[in-house]
PDB file of N, CA and C in Angstrom:
ATOM      1  N   UNK A   1      -7.499  -1.563 -28.108  1.00  0.00           N
ATOM      2  CA  UNK A   1      -6.853  -0.689 -29.085  1.00  0.00           C
ATOM      3  C   UNK A   1      -5.423  -0.385 -28.616  1.00  0.00           C
ATOM      4  N   UNK A   2      -4.484  -0.443 -29.519  1.00  0.00           N
ATOM      5  CA  UNK A   2      -3.078  -0.184 -29.210  1.00  0.00           C
ATOM      6  C   UNK A   2      -2.801   1.311 -29.343  1.00  0.00           C
ATOM      7  N   UNK A   3      -2.534   1.972 -28.231  1.00  0.00           N
ATOM      8  CA  UNK A   3      -2.262   3.402 -28.256  1.00  0.00           C
ATOM      9  C   UNK A   3      -0.772   3.696 -28.287  1.00  0.00           C
ATOM     10  N   UNK A   4       0.008   2.714 -28.718  1.00  0.00           N
ATOM     11  CA  UNK A   4       1.453   2.876 -28.838  1.00  0.00           C
ATOM     12  C   UNK A   4       1.807   2.833 -30.315  1.00  0.00           C
ATOM     13  N   UNK A   5       2.532   3.853 -30.777  1.00  0.00           N
ATOM     14  CA  UNK A   5       3.028   3.876 -32.149  1.00  0.00           C
ATOM     15  C   UNK A   5       4.475   3.424 -32.126  1.00  0.00           C
ATOM     16  N   UNK A   6       4.769   2.379 -32.867  1.00  0.00           N
ATOM     17  CA  UNK A   6       6.127   1.831 -32.917  1.00  0.00           C
ATOM     18  C   UNK A   6       6.787   2.228 -34.230  1.00  0.00           C
ATOM     19  N   UNK A   7       8.027   2.667 -34.147  1.00  0.00           N
ATOM     20  CA  UNK A   7       8.781   3.117 -35.316  1.00  0.00           C
ATOM     21  C   UNK A   7       9.935   2.155 -35.552  1.00  0.00           C
ATOM     22  N   UNK A   8      10.041   1.681 -36.787  1.00  0.00           N
ATOM     23  CA  UNK A   8      11.116   0.773 -37.199  1.00  0.00           C
ATOM     24  C   UNK A   8      11.219  -0.415 -36.249  1.00  0.00           C
ATOM     25  N   UNK A   9      10.154  -1.189 -36.214  1.00  0.00           N
ATOM     26  CA  UNK A   9      10.054  -2.333 -35.310  1.00  0.00           C
ATOM     27  C   UNK A   9      10.501  -3.610 -36.023  1.00  0.00           C
ATOM     28  N   UNK A  10      11.182  -4.473 -35.287  1.00  0.00           N
ATOM     29  CA  UNK A  10      11.459  -5.827 -35.763  1.00  0.00           C
ATOM     30  C   UNK A  10      11.096  -6.801 -34.655  1.00  0.00           C
ATOM     31  N   UNK A  11      11.543  -8.034 -34.749  1.00  0.00           N
ATOM     32  CA  UNK A  11      11.164  -9.049 -33.762  1.00  0.00           C
ATOM     33  C   UNK A  11      11.762  -8.798 -32.377  1.00  0.00           C
ATOM     34  N   UNK A  12      12.814  -7.969 -32.295  1.00  0.00           N
ATOM     35  CA  UNK A  12      13.514  -7.769 -31.028  1.00  0.00           C
ATOM     36  C   UNK A  12      13.253  -6.412 -30.396  1.00  0.00           C
ATOM     37  N   UNK A  13      13.085  -5.379 -31.203  1.00  0.00           N
ATOM     38  CA  UNK A  13      13.001  -4.027 -30.648  1.00  0.00           C
ATOM     39  C   UNK A  13      12.305  -3.078 -31.634  1.00  0.00           C
ATOM     40  N   UNK A  14      11.900  -1.940 -31.114  1.00  0.00           N
ATOM     41  CA  UNK A  14      11.491  -0.796 -31.930  1.00  0.00           C
ATOM     42  C   UNK A  14      12.585   0.248 -31.758  1.00  0.00           C
ATOM     43  N   UNK A  15      12.938   0.946 -32.826  1.00  0.00           N
ATOM     44  CA  UNK A  15      13.960   1.995 -32.680  1.00  0.00           C
ATOM     45  C   UNK A  15      13.409   3.161 -31.872  1.00  0.00           C
ATOM     46  N   UNK A  16      12.105   3.365 -31.960  1.00  0.00           N
ATOM     47  CA  UNK A  16      11.440   4.403 -31.156  1.00  0.00           C
ATOM     48  C   UNK A  16       9.979   4.007 -31.021  1.00  0.00           C
ATOM     49  N   UNK A  17       9.348   4.569 -30.012  1.00  0.00           N
ATOM     50  CA  UNK A  17       7.903   4.434 -29.898  1.00  0.00           C
ATOM     51  C   UNK A  17       7.339   5.678 -29.236  1.00  0.00           C
ATOM     52  N   UNK A  18       6.050   5.881 -29.491  1.00  0.00           N
ATOM     53  CA  UNK A  18       5.344   7.037 -28.936  1.00  0.00           C
ATOM     54  C   UNK A  18       4.173   6.525 -28.114  1.00  0.00           C
ATOM     55  N   UNK A  19       4.057   7.058 -26.896  1.00  0.00           N
ATOM     56  CA  UNK A  19       2.951   6.697 -26.011  1.00  0.00           C
ATOM     57  C   UNK A  19       2.640   7.895 -25.119  1.00  0.00           C
ATOM     58  N   UNK A  20       1.376   8.258 -25.065  1.00  0.00           N
ATOM     59  CA  UNK A  20       0.920   9.362 -24.209  1.00  0.00           C
ATOM     60  C   UNK A  20       1.742  10.638 -24.395  1.00  0.00           C
ATOM     61  N   UNK A  21       2.054  10.978 -25.629  1.00  0.00           N
ATOM     62  CA  UNK A  21       2.744  12.230 -25.907  1.00  0.00           C
ATOM     63  C   UNK A  21       4.240  12.219 -25.639  1.00  0.00           C
ATOM     64  N   UNK A  22       4.799  11.034 -25.407  1.00  0.00           N
ATOM     65  CA  UNK A  22       6.235  10.909 -25.134  1.00  0.00           C
ATOM     66  C   UNK A  22       6.866   9.999 -26.185  1.00  0.00           C
ATOM     67  N   UNK A  23       8.029  10.398 -26.671  1.00  0.00           N
ATOM     68  CA  UNK A  23       8.815   9.602 -27.613  1.00  0.00           C
ATOM     69  C   UNK A  23       9.947   8.942 -26.833  1.00  0.00           C
ATOM     70  N   UNK A  24      10.048   7.639 -26.954  1.00  0.00           N
ATOM     71  CA  UNK A  24      11.119   6.869 -26.323  1.00  0.00           C
ATOM     72  C   UNK A  24      11.973   6.270 -27.439  1.00  0.00           C
ATOM     73  N   UNK A  25      13.264   6.460 -27.382  1.00  0.00           N
ATOM     74  CA  UNK A  25      14.115   5.813 -28.376  1.00  0.00           C
ATOM     75  C   UNK A  25      14.892   4.675 -27.732  1.00  0.00           C
ATOM     76  N   UNK A  26      15.217   3.693 -28.551  1.00  0.00           N
ATOM     77  CA  UNK A  26      16.154   2.665 -28.131  1.00  0.00           C
ATOM     78  C   UNK A  26      17.543   3.282 -28.166  1.00  0.00           C
ATOM     79  N   UNK A  27      18.506   2.617 -27.584  1.00  0.00           N
ATOM     80  CA  UNK A  27      19.877   3.077 -27.673  1.00  0.00           C
ATOM     81  C   UNK A  27      20.320   3.099 -29.131  1.00  0.00           C
ATOM     82  N   UNK A  28      20.896   4.208 -29.542  1.00  0.00           N
ATOM     83  CA  UNK A  28      21.345   4.377 -30.919  1.00  0.00           C
ATOM     84  C   UNK A  28      22.867   4.309 -30.955  1.00  0.00           C
ATOM     85  N   UNK A  29      23.385   3.560 -31.915  1.00  0.00           N
ATOM     86  CA  UNK A  29      24.824   3.398 -32.092  1.00  0.00           C
ATOM     87  C   UNK A  29      25.200   3.856 -33.491  1.00  0.00           C
ATOM     88  N   UNK A  30      26.476   4.140 -33.723  1.00  0.00           N
ATOM     89  CA  UNK A  30      26.901   4.586 -35.047  1.00  0.00           C
ATOM     90  C   UNK A  30      26.852   3.461 -36.068  1.00  0.00           C
ATOM     91  N   UNK A  31      26.774   3.846 -37.333  1.00  0.00           N
ATOM     92  CA  UNK A  31      26.855   2.874 -38.420  1.00  0.00           C
ATOM     93  C   UNK A  31      28.310   2.574 -38.764  1.00  0.00           C
ATOM     94  N   UNK A  32      29.167   3.586 -38.671  1.00  0.00           N
ATOM     95  CA  UNK A  32      30.581   3.418 -39.002  1.00  0.00           C
ATOM     96  C   UNK A  32      31.398   3.416 -37.722  1.00  0.00           C
ATOM     97  N   UNK A  33      31.714   2.245 -37.245  1.00  0.00           N
ATOM     98  CA  UNK A  33      32.416   2.125 -35.974  1.00  0.00           C
ATOM     99  C   UNK A  33      33.923   2.283 -36.107  1.00  0.00           C
ATOM    100  N   UNK A  34      34.391   2.589 -37.312  1.00  0.00           N
ATOM    101  CA  UNK A  34      35.817   2.863 -37.485  1.00  0.00           C
ATOM    102  C   UNK A  34      36.148   4.321 -37.156  1.00  0.00           C
ATOM    103  N   UNK A  35      35.118   5.149 -36.982  1.00  0.00           N
ATOM    104  CA  UNK A  35      35.316   6.571 -36.683  1.00  0.00           C
ATOM    105  C   UNK A  35      35.763   6.778 -35.239  1.00  0.00           C
ATOM    106  N   UNK A  36      36.353   7.943 -34.973  1.00  0.00           N
ATOM    107  CA  UNK A  36      36.660   8.312 -33.594  1.00  0.00           C
ATOM    108  C   UNK A  36      35.358   8.663 -32.880  1.00  0.00           C
ATOM    109  N   UNK A  37      35.433   8.965 -31.605  1.00  0.00           N
ATOM    110  CA  UNK A  37      34.209   9.209 -30.836  1.00  0.00           C
ATOM    111  C   UNK A  37      33.432  10.409 -31.369  1.00  0.00           C
ATOM    112  N   UNK A  38      34.108  11.436 -31.857  1.00  0.00           N
ATOM    113  CA  UNK A  38      33.400  12.600 -32.399  1.00  0.00           C
ATOM    114  C   UNK A  38      32.588  12.207 -33.630  1.00  0.00           C
ATOM    115  N   UNK A  39      33.187  11.430 -34.516  1.00  0.00           N
ATOM    116  CA  UNK A  39      32.474  10.984 -35.706  1.00  0.00           C
ATOM    117  C   UNK A  39      31.322  10.062 -35.364  1.00  0.00           C
ATOM    118  N   UNK A  40      31.555   9.145 -34.437  1.00  0.00           N
ATOM    119  CA  UNK A  40      30.485   8.245 -34.015  1.00  0.00           C
ATOM    120  C   UNK A  40      29.357   9.020 -33.345  1.00  0.00           C
ATOM    121  N   UNK A  41      29.699   9.974 -32.493  1.00  0.00           N
ATOM    122  CA  UNK A  41      28.675  10.765 -31.809  1.00  0.00           C
ATOM    123  C   UNK A  41      27.837  11.540 -32.813  1.00  0.00           C
ATOM    124  N   UNK A  42      28.470  12.125 -33.815  1.00  0.00           N
ATOM    125  CA  UNK A  42      27.737  12.879 -34.841  1.00  0.00           C
ATOM    126  C   UNK A  42      26.745  11.965 -35.562  1.00  0.00           C
ATOM    127  N   UNK A  43      27.174  10.743 -35.884  1.00  0.00           N
ATOM    128  CA  UNK A  43      26.267   9.801 -36.539  1.00  0.00           C
ATOM    129  C   UNK A  43      25.088   9.446 -35.635  1.00  0.00           C
ATOM    130  N   UNK A  44      25.365   9.180 -34.381  1.00  0.00           N
ATOM    131  CA  UNK A  44      24.303   8.798 -33.446  1.00  0.00           C
ATOM    132  C   UNK A  44      23.317   9.951 -33.261  1.00  0.00           C
ATOM    133  N   UNK A  45      23.806  11.151 -33.102  1.00  0.00           N
ATOM    134  CA  UNK A  45      22.913  12.297 -32.911  1.00  0.00           C
ATOM    135  C   UNK A  45      22.069  12.562 -34.153  1.00  0.00           C
ATOM    136  N   UNK A  46      22.618  12.322 -35.335  1.00  0.00           N
ATOM    137  CA  UNK A  46      21.832  12.455 -36.568  1.00  0.00           C
ATOM    138  C   UNK A  46      20.716  11.406 -36.598  1.00  0.00           C
ATOM    139  N   UNK A  47      21.007  10.203 -36.147  1.00  0.00           N
ATOM    140  CA  UNK A  47      19.982   9.164 -36.083  1.00  0.00           C
ATOM    141  C   UNK A  47      18.890   9.544 -35.088  1.00  0.00           C
ATOM    142  N   UNK A  48      19.286  10.124 -33.962  1.00  0.00           N
ATOM    143  CA  UNK A  48      18.305  10.562 -32.976  1.00  0.00           C
ATOM    144  C   UNK A  48      17.435  11.668 -33.552  1.00  0.00           C
ATOM    145  N   UNK A  49      18.052  12.635 -34.236  1.00  0.00           N
ATOM    146  CA  UNK A  49      17.264  13.679 -34.906  1.00  0.00           C
ATOM    147  C   UNK A  49      16.211  13.060 -35.817  1.00  0.00           C
ATOM    148  N   UNK A  50      16.620  12.113 -36.651  1.00  0.00           N
ATOM    149  CA  UNK A  50      15.698  11.492 -37.599  1.00  0.00           C
ATOM    150  C   UNK A  50      14.563  10.773 -36.881  1.00  0.00           C
ATOM    151  N   UNK A  51      14.880  10.040 -35.821  1.00  0.00           N
ATOM    152  CA  UNK A  51      13.852   9.306 -35.086  1.00  0.00           C
ATOM    153  C   UNK A  51      12.851  10.225 -34.405  1.00  0.00           C
ATOM    154  N   UNK A  52      13.345  11.219 -33.681  1.00  0.00           N
ATOM    155  CA  UNK A  52      12.391  12.091 -32.977  1.00  0.00           C
ATOM    156  C   UNK A  52      11.585  12.919 -33.971  1.00  0.00           C
ATOM    157  N   UNK A  53      12.203  13.297 -35.090  1.00  0.00           N
ATOM    158  CA  UNK A  53      11.448  14.010 -36.123  1.00  0.00           C
ATOM    159  C   UNK A  53      10.366  13.120 -36.724  1.00  0.00           C
ATOM    160  N   UNK A  54      10.700  11.869 -37.024  1.00  0.00           N
ATOM    161  CA  UNK A  54       9.711  10.938 -37.568  1.00  0.00           C
ATOM    162  C   UNK A  54       8.549  10.741 -36.596  1.00  0.00           C
ATOM    163  N   UNK A  55       8.850  10.788 -35.320  1.00  0.00           N
ATOM    164  CA  UNK A  55       7.813  10.617 -34.294  1.00  0.00           C
ATOM    165  C   UNK A  55       6.978  11.885 -34.094  1.00  0.00           C
ATOM    166  N   UNK A  56       7.414  13.007 -34.683  1.00  0.00           N
ATOM    167  CA  UNK A  56       6.676  14.258 -34.546  1.00  0.00           C
ATOM    168  C   UNK A  56       7.249  15.210 -33.518  1.00  0.00           C
ATOM    169  N   UNK A  57       8.471  14.994 -33.103  1.00  0.00           N
ATOM    170  CA  UNK A  57       9.120  15.852 -32.118  1.00  0.00           C
ATOM    171  C   UNK A  57      10.407  16.417 -32.706  1.00  0.00           C
ATOM    172  N   UNK A  58      11.282  16.907 -31.831  1.00  0.00           N
ATOM    173  CA  UNK A  58      12.551  17.491 -32.285  1.00  0.00           C
ATOM    174  C   UNK A  58      13.544  17.485 -31.126  1.00  0.00           C
ATOM    175  N   UNK A  59      14.782  17.777 -31.454  1.00  0.00           N
ATOM    176  CA  UNK A  59      15.811  17.791 -30.396  1.00  0.00           C
ATOM    177  C   UNK A  59      15.510  18.853 -29.339  1.00  0.00           C
ATOM    178  N   UNK A  60      14.806  19.902 -29.703  1.00  0.00           N
ATOM    179  CA  UNK A  60      14.453  20.950 -28.738  1.00  0.00           C
ATOM    180  C   UNK A  60      13.495  20.443 -27.668  1.00  0.00           C
ATOM    181  N   UNK A  61      12.847  19.304 -27.916  1.00  0.00           N
ATOM    182  CA  UNK A  61      11.851  18.756 -26.991  1.00  0.00           C
ATOM    183  C   UNK A  61      12.347  17.508 -26.262  1.00  0.00           C
ATOM    184  N   UNK A  62      13.648  17.227 -26.396  1.00  0.00           N
ATOM    185  CA  UNK A  62      14.204  16.083 -25.675  1.00  0.00           C
ATOM    186  C   UNK A  62      14.213  16.395 -24.178  1.00  0.00           C
ATOM    187  N   UNK A  63      13.691  15.462 -23.412  1.00  0.00           N
ATOM    188  CA  UNK A  63      13.575  15.632 -21.968  1.00  0.00           C
ATOM    189  C   UNK A  63      14.800  15.104 -21.236  1.00  0.00           C
ATOM    190  N   UNK A  64      15.280  13.955 -21.656  1.00  0.00           N
ATOM    191  CA  UNK A  64      16.399  13.329 -20.974  1.00  0.00           C
ATOM    192  C   UNK A  64      17.206  12.492 -21.957  1.00  0.00           C
ATOM    193  N   UNK A  65      18.484  12.343 -21.665  1.00  0.00           N
ATOM    194  CA  UNK A  65      19.379  11.534 -22.497  1.00  0.00           C
ATOM    195  C   UNK A  65      20.251  10.668 -21.606  1.00  0.00           C
ATOM    196  N   UNK A  66      20.468   9.456 -22.055  1.00  0.00           N
ATOM    197  CA  UNK A  66      21.414   8.556 -21.402  1.00  0.00           C
ATOM    198  C   UNK A  66      22.535   8.293 -22.398  1.00  0.00           C
ATOM    199  N   UNK A  67      23.748   8.583 -21.978  1.00  0.00           N
ATOM    200  CA  UNK A  67      24.910   8.456 -22.848  1.00  0.00           C
ATOM    201  C   UNK A  67      25.842   7.408 -22.251  1.00  0.00           C
ATOM    202  N   UNK A  68      26.250   6.470 -23.091  1.00  0.00           N
ATOM    203  CA  UNK A  68      27.218   5.469 -22.672  1.00  0.00           C
ATOM    204  C   UNK A  68      28.450   5.593 -23.550  1.00  0.00           C
ATOM    205  N   UNK A  69      29.594   5.697 -22.907  1.00  0.00           N
ATOM    206  CA  UNK A  69      30.873   5.771 -23.603  1.00  0.00           C
ATOM    207  C   UNK A  69      31.686   4.522 -23.302  1.00  0.00           C
ATOM    208  N   UNK A  70      32.473   4.101 -24.281  1.00  0.00           N
ATOM    209  CA  UNK A  70      33.347   2.937 -24.082  1.00  0.00           C
ATOM    210  C   UNK A  70      34.437   3.255 -23.064  1.00  0.00           C
ATOM    211  N   UNK A  71      34.896   4.502 -23.084  1.00  0.00           N
ATOM    212  CA  UNK A  71      35.928   4.940 -22.141  1.00  0.00           C
ATOM    213  C   UNK A  71      35.676   6.399 -21.781  1.00  0.00           C
ATOM    214  N   UNK A  72      35.918   6.745 -20.554  1.00  0.00           N
ATOM    215  CA  UNK A  72      35.746   8.139 -20.148  1.00  0.00           C
ATOM    216  C   UNK A  72      36.854   9.019 -20.725  1.00  0.00           C
ATOM    217  N   UNK A  73      37.863   8.426 -21.340  1.00  0.00           N
ATOM    218  CA  UNK A  73      38.864   9.216 -22.059  1.00  0.00           C
ATOM    219  C   UNK A  73      38.229   9.964 -23.227  1.00  0.00           C
ATOM    220  N   UNK A  74      37.050   9.512 -23.688  1.00  0.00           N
ATOM    221  CA  UNK A  74      36.334  10.158 -24.794  1.00  0.00           C
ATOM    222  C   UNK A  74      35.374  11.256 -24.327  1.00  0.00           C
ATOM    223  N   UNK A  75      35.286  11.481 -23.037  1.00  0.00           N
ATOM    224  CA  UNK A  75      34.283  12.398 -22.478  1.00  0.00           C
ATOM    225  C   UNK A  75      34.388  13.809 -23.066  1.00  0.00           C
ATOM    226  N   UNK A  76      35.555  14.392 -23.095  1.00  0.00           N
ATOM    227  CA  UNK A  76      35.705  15.764 -23.602  1.00  0.00           C
ATOM    228  C   UNK A  76      35.375  15.848 -25.093  1.00  0.00           C
ATOM    229  N   UNK A  77      35.862  14.897 -25.876  1.00  0.00           N
ATOM    230  CA  UNK A  77      35.584  14.913 -27.326  1.00  0.00           C
ATOM    231  C   UNK A  77      34.097  14.701 -27.582  1.00  0.00           C
ATOM    232  N   UNK A  78      33.470  13.812 -26.810  1.00  0.00           N
ATOM    233  CA  UNK A  78      32.029  13.618 -26.957  1.00  0.00           C
ATOM    234  C   UNK A  78      31.282  14.904 -26.611  1.00  0.00           C
ATOM    235  N   UNK A  79      31.647  15.523 -25.495  1.00  0.00           N
ATOM    236  CA  UNK A  79      30.956  16.742 -25.074  1.00  0.00           C
ATOM    237  C   UNK A  79      31.057  17.859 -26.104  1.00  0.00           C
ATOM    238  N   UNK A  80      32.160  17.950 -26.825  1.00  0.00           N
ATOM    239  CA  UNK A  80      32.289  18.982 -27.854  1.00  0.00           C
ATOM    240  C   UNK A  80      31.217  18.798 -28.935  1.00  0.00           C
ATOM    241  N   UNK A  81      30.979  17.551 -29.332  1.00  0.00           N
ATOM    242  CA  UNK A  81      29.950  17.271 -30.338  1.00  0.00           C
ATOM    243  C   UNK A  81      28.559  17.496 -29.738  1.00  0.00           C
ATOM    244  N   UNK A  82      28.358  17.002 -28.546  1.00  0.00           N
ATOM    245  CA  UNK A  82      27.062  17.154 -27.864  1.00  0.00           C
ATOM    246  C   UNK A  82      26.716  18.632 -27.704  1.00  0.00           C
ATOM    247  N   UNK A  83      27.664  19.415 -27.207  1.00  0.00           N
ATOM    248  CA  UNK A  83      27.397  20.833 -26.939  1.00  0.00           C
ATOM    249  C   UNK A  83      27.038  21.598 -28.205  1.00  0.00           C
ATOM    250  N   UNK A  84      27.606  21.209 -29.332  1.00  0.00           N
ATOM    251  CA  UNK A  84      27.268  21.853 -30.607  1.00  0.00           C
ATOM    252  C   UNK A  84      25.901  21.399 -31.120  1.00  0.00           C
ATOM    253  N   UNK A  85      25.436  20.253 -30.674  1.00  0.00           N
ATOM    254  CA  UNK A  85      24.181  19.668 -31.165  1.00  0.00           C
ATOM    255  C   UNK A  85      22.959  20.102 -30.369  1.00  0.00           C
ATOM    256  N   UNK A  86      23.070  20.168 -29.056  1.00  0.00           N
ATOM    257  CA  UNK A  86      21.881  20.470 -28.243  1.00  0.00           C
ATOM    258  C   UNK A  86      21.373  21.872 -28.538  1.00  0.00           C
ATOM    259  N   UNK A  87      20.080  22.045 -28.345  1.00  0.00           N
ATOM    260  CA  UNK A  87      19.449  23.340 -28.574  1.00  0.00           C
ATOM    261  C   UNK A  87      19.797  24.275 -27.419  1.00  0.00           C
ATOM    262  N   UNK A  88      20.438  25.404 -27.700  1.00  0.00           N
ATOM    263  CA  UNK A  88      20.785  26.340 -26.627  1.00  0.00           C
ATOM    264  C   UNK A  88      19.546  26.746 -25.814  1.00  0.00           C
ATOM    265  N   UNK A  89      19.691  26.696 -24.512  1.00  0.00           N
ATOM    266  CA  UNK A  89      18.587  27.068 -23.633  1.00  0.00           C
ATOM    267  C   UNK A  89      17.527  25.985 -23.481  1.00  0.00           C
ATOM    268  N   UNK A  90      17.702  24.850 -24.156  1.00  0.00           N
ATOM    269  CA  UNK A  90      16.723  23.761 -24.094  1.00  0.00           C
ATOM    270  C   UNK A  90      17.423  22.417 -23.871  1.00  0.00           C
ATOM    271  N   UNK A  91      18.454  22.442 -23.065  1.00  0.00           N
ATOM    272  CA  UNK A  91      19.208  21.218 -22.832  1.00  0.00           C
ATOM    273  C   UNK A  91      18.401  20.248 -21.964  1.00  0.00           C
ATOM    274  N   UNK A  92      18.465  18.960 -22.300  1.00  0.00           N
ATOM    275  CA  UNK A  92      17.753  17.958 -21.507  1.00  0.00           C
ATOM    276  C   UNK A  92      18.553  17.572 -20.271  1.00  0.00           C
ATOM    277  N   UNK A  93      17.920  16.814 -19.396  1.00  0.00           N
ATOM    278  CA  UNK A  93      18.698  16.165 -18.345  1.00  0.00           C
ATOM    279  C   UNK A  93      19.575  15.132 -19.041  1.00  0.00           C
ATOM    280  N   UNK A  94      20.687  14.787 -18.403  1.00  0.00           N
ATOM    281  CA  UNK A  94      21.599  13.849 -19.060  1.00  0.00           C
ATOM    282  C   UNK A  94      22.432  13.122 -18.025  1.00  0.00           C
ATOM    283  N   UNK A  95      22.684  11.860 -18.291  1.00  0.00           N
ATOM    284  CA  UNK A  95      23.690  11.127 -17.533  1.00  0.00           C
ATOM    285  C   UNK A  95      24.668  10.561 -18.549  1.00  0.00           C
ATOM    286  N   UNK A  96      25.869  10.299 -18.101  1.00  0.00           N
ATOM    287  CA  UNK A  96      26.901   9.768 -18.988  1.00  0.00           C
ATOM    288  C   UNK A  96      27.772   8.837 -18.162  1.00  0.00           C
ATOM    289  N   UNK A  97      27.969   7.648 -18.679  1.00  0.00           N
ATOM    290  CA  UNK A  97      28.794   6.697 -17.964  1.00  0.00           C
ATOM    291  C   UNK A  97      29.573   5.806 -18.901  1.00  0.00           C
ATOM    292  N   UNK A  98      30.509   5.110 -18.334  1.00  0.00           N
ATOM    293  CA  UNK A  98      31.336   4.161 -19.067  1.00  0.00           C
ATOM    294  C   UNK A  98      30.684   2.782 -18.965  1.00  0.00           C
ATOM    295  N   UNK A  99      30.573   2.107 -20.115  1.00  0.00           N
ATOM    296  CA  UNK A  99      30.036   0.754 -20.121  1.00  0.00           C
ATOM    297  C   UNK A  99      30.853  -0.125 -21.064  1.00  0.00           C
ATOM    298  N   UNK A 100      30.739  -1.422 -20.860  1.00  0.00           N
ATOM    299  CA  UNK A 100      31.325  -2.360 -21.815  1.00  0.00           C
ATOM    300  C   UNK A 100      30.341  -2.501 -22.965  1.00  0.00           C
ATOM    301  N   UNK A 101      30.757  -2.114 -24.155  1.00  0.00           N
ATOM    302  CA  UNK A 101      29.883  -2.132 -25.322  1.00  0.00           C
ATOM    303  C   UNK A 101      29.745  -3.543 -25.881  1.00  0.00           C
ATOM    304  N   UNK A 102      28.602  -3.815 -26.476  1.00  0.00           N
ATOM    305  CA  UNK A 102      28.363  -5.083 -27.140  1.00  0.00           C
ATOM    306  C   UNK A 102      29.374  -5.305 -28.268  1.00  0.00           C
ATOM    307  N   UNK A 103      29.660  -4.252 -29.023  1.00  0.00           N
ATOM    308  CA  UNK A 103      30.677  -4.288 -30.076  1.00  0.00           C
ATOM    309  C   UNK A 103      31.858  -3.459 -29.577  1.00  0.00           C
ATOM    310  N   UNK A 104      33.037  -4.029 -29.423  1.00  0.00           N
ATOM    311  CA  UNK A 104      34.180  -3.293 -28.880  1.00  0.00           C
ATOM    312  C   UNK A 104      34.610  -2.082 -29.707  1.00  0.00           C
ATOM    313  N   UNK A 105      34.177  -2.011 -30.972  1.00  0.00           N
ATOM    314  CA  UNK A 105      34.506  -0.857 -31.813  1.00  0.00           C
ATOM    315  C   UNK A 105      33.558   0.322 -31.588  1.00  0.00           C
ATOM    316  N   UNK A 106      32.449   0.055 -30.925  1.00  0.00           N
ATOM    317  CA  UNK A 106      31.475   1.112 -30.643  1.00  0.00           C
ATOM    318  C   UNK A 106      32.003   1.968 -29.496  1.00  0.00           C
ATOM    319  N   UNK A 107      32.056   3.276 -29.724  1.00  0.00           N
ATOM    320  CA  UNK A 107      32.572   4.192 -28.702  1.00  0.00           C
ATOM    321  C   UNK A 107      31.472   4.927 -27.954  1.00  0.00           C
ATOM    322  N   UNK A 108      30.231   4.961 -28.524  1.00  0.00           N
ATOM    323  CA  UNK A 108      29.152   5.720 -27.887  1.00  0.00           C
ATOM    324  C   UNK A 108      27.797   5.121 -28.257  1.00  0.00           C
ATOM    325  N   UNK A 109      26.903   5.119 -27.287  1.00  0.00           N
ATOM    326  CA  UNK A 109      25.499   4.761 -27.499  1.00  0.00           C
ATOM    327  C   UNK A 109      24.668   5.758 -26.712  1.00  0.00           C
ATOM    328  N   UNK A 110      23.565   6.201 -27.326  1.00  0.00           N
ATOM    329  CA  UNK A 110      22.724   7.219 -26.689  1.00  0.00           C
ATOM    330  C   UNK A 110      21.257   6.825 -26.862  1.00  0.00           C
ATOM    331  N   UNK A 111      20.488   7.005 -25.806  1.00  0.00           N
ATOM    332  CA  UNK A 111      19.039   6.929 -25.935  1.00  0.00           C
ATOM    333  C   UNK A 111      18.442   8.189 -25.341  1.00  0.00           C
ATOM    334  N   UNK A 112      17.302   8.600 -25.903  1.00  0.00           N
ATOM    335  CA  UNK A 112      16.639   9.812 -25.432  1.00  0.00           C
ATOM    336  C   UNK A 112      15.152   9.563 -25.246  1.00  0.00           C
ATOM    337  N   UNK A 113      14.553  10.431 -24.457  1.00  0.00           N
ATOM    338  CA  UNK A 113      13.118  10.516 -24.286  1.00  0.00           C
ATOM    339  C   UNK A 113      12.725  11.945 -24.586  1.00  0.00           C
ATOM    340  N   UNK A 114      11.688  12.123 -25.408  1.00  0.00           N
ATOM    341  CA  UNK A 114      11.290  13.478 -25.834  1.00  0.00           C
ATOM    342  C   UNK A 114       9.782  13.650 -25.713  1.00  0.00           C
ATOM    343  N   UNK A 115       9.360  14.878 -25.543  1.00  0.00           N
ATOM    344  CA  UNK A 115       7.944  15.221 -25.568  1.00  0.00           C
ATOM    345  C   UNK A 115       7.524  15.486 -27.003  1.00  0.00           C
ATOM    346  N   UNK A 116       6.272  15.195 -27.320  1.00  0.00           N
ATOM    347  CA  UNK A 116       5.766  15.551 -28.643  1.00  0.00           C
ATOM    348  C   UNK A 116       5.555  17.039 -28.743  1.00  0.00           C
TER     349      UNK A 116
END
């Protein structure tokens, strides 16, 4: 019996999955890569909200987040969006680093793990 619930699965990946009371998301990127980092971050965080909600959780139950930025010059602008989004008093662990993005127009990618 498969005790893993896969959300929005295709031949390569699932956007999220649930196993043993934990929600794992794939890295989420913006749909509109012409936006600045604040706009892209807002889109990505909205996608994360939708995924964890579909899985039966919420941003208040996010345990950890991995954030990748195209450039650390975007760190302050990203943090402004992040700080407005996270649940006060329920912030997850987080790391943030600079990476070479698959699409050079992508400024941010985020993946999270949440409890149900």
